[in-house]
Protein backbone atom coordinates (compact mmCIF):
# COMPACT_ATOMS: atom_id res chain seq x y z
CA UNK A 1 94.50 90.48 91.38
CA UNK A 2 96.25 90.16 88.04
CA UNK A 3 99.23 92.27 87.02
CA UNK A 4 97.41 93.59 83.94
CA UNK A 5 94.83 95.15 86.30
CA UNK A 6 97.55 97.02 88.22
CA UNK A 7 100.20 99.67 87.83
CA UNK A 8 103.79 99.55 88.99
CA UNK A 9 104.24 101.72 92.09
CA UNK A 10 107.84 100.92 92.93
CA UNK A 11 110.23 98.46 94.49
CA UNK A 12 111.13 97.44 98.02
CA UNK A 13 114.65 98.87 98.13
CA UNK A 14 116.07 97.92 101.52
CA UNK A 15 115.47 97.31 105.20
CA UNK A 16 115.05 100.30 107.46
CA UNK A 17 115.05 98.78 110.94
CA UNK A 18 115.61 95.51 112.74
CA UNK A 19 111.84 95.33 113.41
CA UNK A 20 110.97 94.61 109.78
CA UNK A 21 110.45 98.11 108.40
CA UNK A 22 111.42 98.59 104.76
CA UNK A 23 111.99 101.46 102.37
CA UNK A 24 109.81 101.34 99.29
CA UNK A 25 111.15 103.32 96.33
CA UNK A 26 108.18 105.12 94.76
CA UNK A 27 108.43 105.45 90.97
CA UNK A 28 106.19 108.50 90.79
CA UNK A 29 106.33 112.27 90.45
CA UNK A 30 103.94 112.67 93.39
CA UNK A 31 105.05 110.37 96.24
CA UNK A 32 102.86 112.21 98.75
CA UNK A 33 99.76 110.67 97.09
CA UNK A 34 100.78 107.25 98.36
CA UNK A 35 101.64 107.83 102.02
CA UNK A 36 98.20 106.84 103.35
CA UNK A 37 97.76 103.47 101.65
CA UNK A 38 95.99 100.64 103.46
CA UNK A 39 97.65 97.92 101.37
CA UNK A 40 99.74 97.17 98.29
CA UNK A 41 100.36 94.13 96.13
CA UNK A 42 103.88 92.69 96.33
CA UNK A 43 105.05 90.43 93.52
CA UNK A 44 106.28 87.15 95.04
CA UNK A 45 107.03 84.15 92.82
CA UNK A 46 105.26 85.83 89.85
CA UNK A 47 102.04 86.31 91.87
CA UNK A 48 100.66 89.49 93.40
CA UNK A 49 100.21 89.08 97.13
CA UNK A 50 98.36 91.68 99.25
CA UNK A 51 100.43 93.22 102.04
CA UNK A 52 98.58 95.34 104.58
CA UNK A 53 100.28 98.47 105.84
CA UNK A 54 100.46 99.15 109.55
CA UNK A 55 102.34 102.44 109.22
CA UNK A 56 103.92 104.45 106.39
CA UNK A 57 105.76 107.79 106.16
CA UNK A 58 107.57 109.58 103.36
CA UNK A 59 111.34 109.29 103.68
CA UNK A 60 113.81 111.47 101.76
CA UNK A 61 111.52 112.33 98.87
CA UNK A 62 111.08 109.21 96.72
CA UNK A 63 110.94 106.61 99.48
CA UNK A 64 108.12 105.42 101.67
CA UNK A 65 109.14 103.97 105.04
CA UNK A 66 106.70 101.08 105.54
CA UNK A 67 105.82 98.68 108.31
CA UNK A 68 103.73 95.82 106.93
CA UNK A 69 101.43 93.93 109.32
CA UNK A 70 103.02 90.52 108.76
CA UNK A 71 106.66 91.61 108.44
CA UNK A 72 107.99 91.84 111.98
CA UNK A 73 111.70 91.07 111.81
CA UNK A 74 114.83 91.42 109.66
CA UNK A 75 114.52 87.98 108.05
CA UNK A 76 110.96 88.60 106.90
CA UNK A 77 112.06 92.00 105.54
CA UNK A 78 115.01 90.36 103.74
CA UNK A 79 112.56 88.03 101.98
CA UNK A 80 110.80 90.93 100.24
CA UNK A 81 113.78 93.16 99.40
CA UNK A 82 113.87 93.77 95.65
CA UNK A 83 110.23 92.81 95.14
CA UNK A 84 108.10 95.01 92.90
CA UNK A 85 105.02 96.70 94.34
CA UNK A 86 101.73 97.32 92.52
CA UNK A 87 98.36 99.00 93.05
CA UNK A 88 95.05 98.53 91.18
CA UNK A 89 94.64 100.75 88.10
CA UNK A 90 91.56 102.34 89.68
CA UNK A 91 93.88 103.98 92.24
CA UNK A 92 95.72 106.03 89.62
CA UNK A 93 95.05 109.75 90.05
CA UNK A 94 92.91 111.29 87.31
CA UNK A 95 94.91 113.26 84.75
CA UNK A 96 93.80 116.54 83.22
CA UNK A 97 94.29 117.92 79.75
CA UNK A 98 96.29 115.91 77.20
CA UNK A 99 98.30 113.93 79.77
CA UNK A 100 98.27 110.13 79.71
CA UNK A 101 99.67 107.08 81.46
CA UNK A 102 102.02 104.70 79.63
CA UNK A 103 99.58 101.77 79.90
CA UNK A 104 97.03 103.81 77.95
CA UNK A 105 99.11 104.01 74.77
CA UNK A 106 99.55 100.32 73.97
CA UNK A 107 99.25 99.67 70.26
CA UNK A 108 100.48 103.07 69.11
CA UNK A 109 103.58 103.72 67.04
CA UNK A 110 106.18 106.24 68.11
CA UNK A 111 107.75 108.35 65.39
CA UNK A 112 110.91 110.30 66.06
CA UNK A 113 111.34 113.34 63.81
CA UNK A 114 114.92 112.34 63.03
CA UNK A 115 114.90 108.51 63.30
CA UNK A 116 111.44 107.70 61.99
CA UNK A 117 109.23 104.93 63.41
CA UNK A 118 110.72 103.41 66.57
CA UNK A 119 110.40 99.69 67.25
CA UNK A 120 110.21 97.96 70.61
């Protein structure tokens, strides 16, 4: 899976237990949509690696408490702390009306009423 085919879901923020559980910060307005995932892609060494989820529960709103199948101890959890997490674009919820996702507006200019055209 290539990064351009995915969307950023969040970041592995910290360990939760000595058995390898981690807290995944979800960068979304609707974290409840992502509590029943089977897997995610974790960016390791600039490559997206599939990690299969054994168990996941929402934790304090924007966090997902996750136990990955192959992360079974503190050291293995330490190795993925700070890593970004992605999902395939096809897993994005459908939007209604005139709403859009950021990746859908590439190539457009943004014009501020006061400052004019904004540059990257």
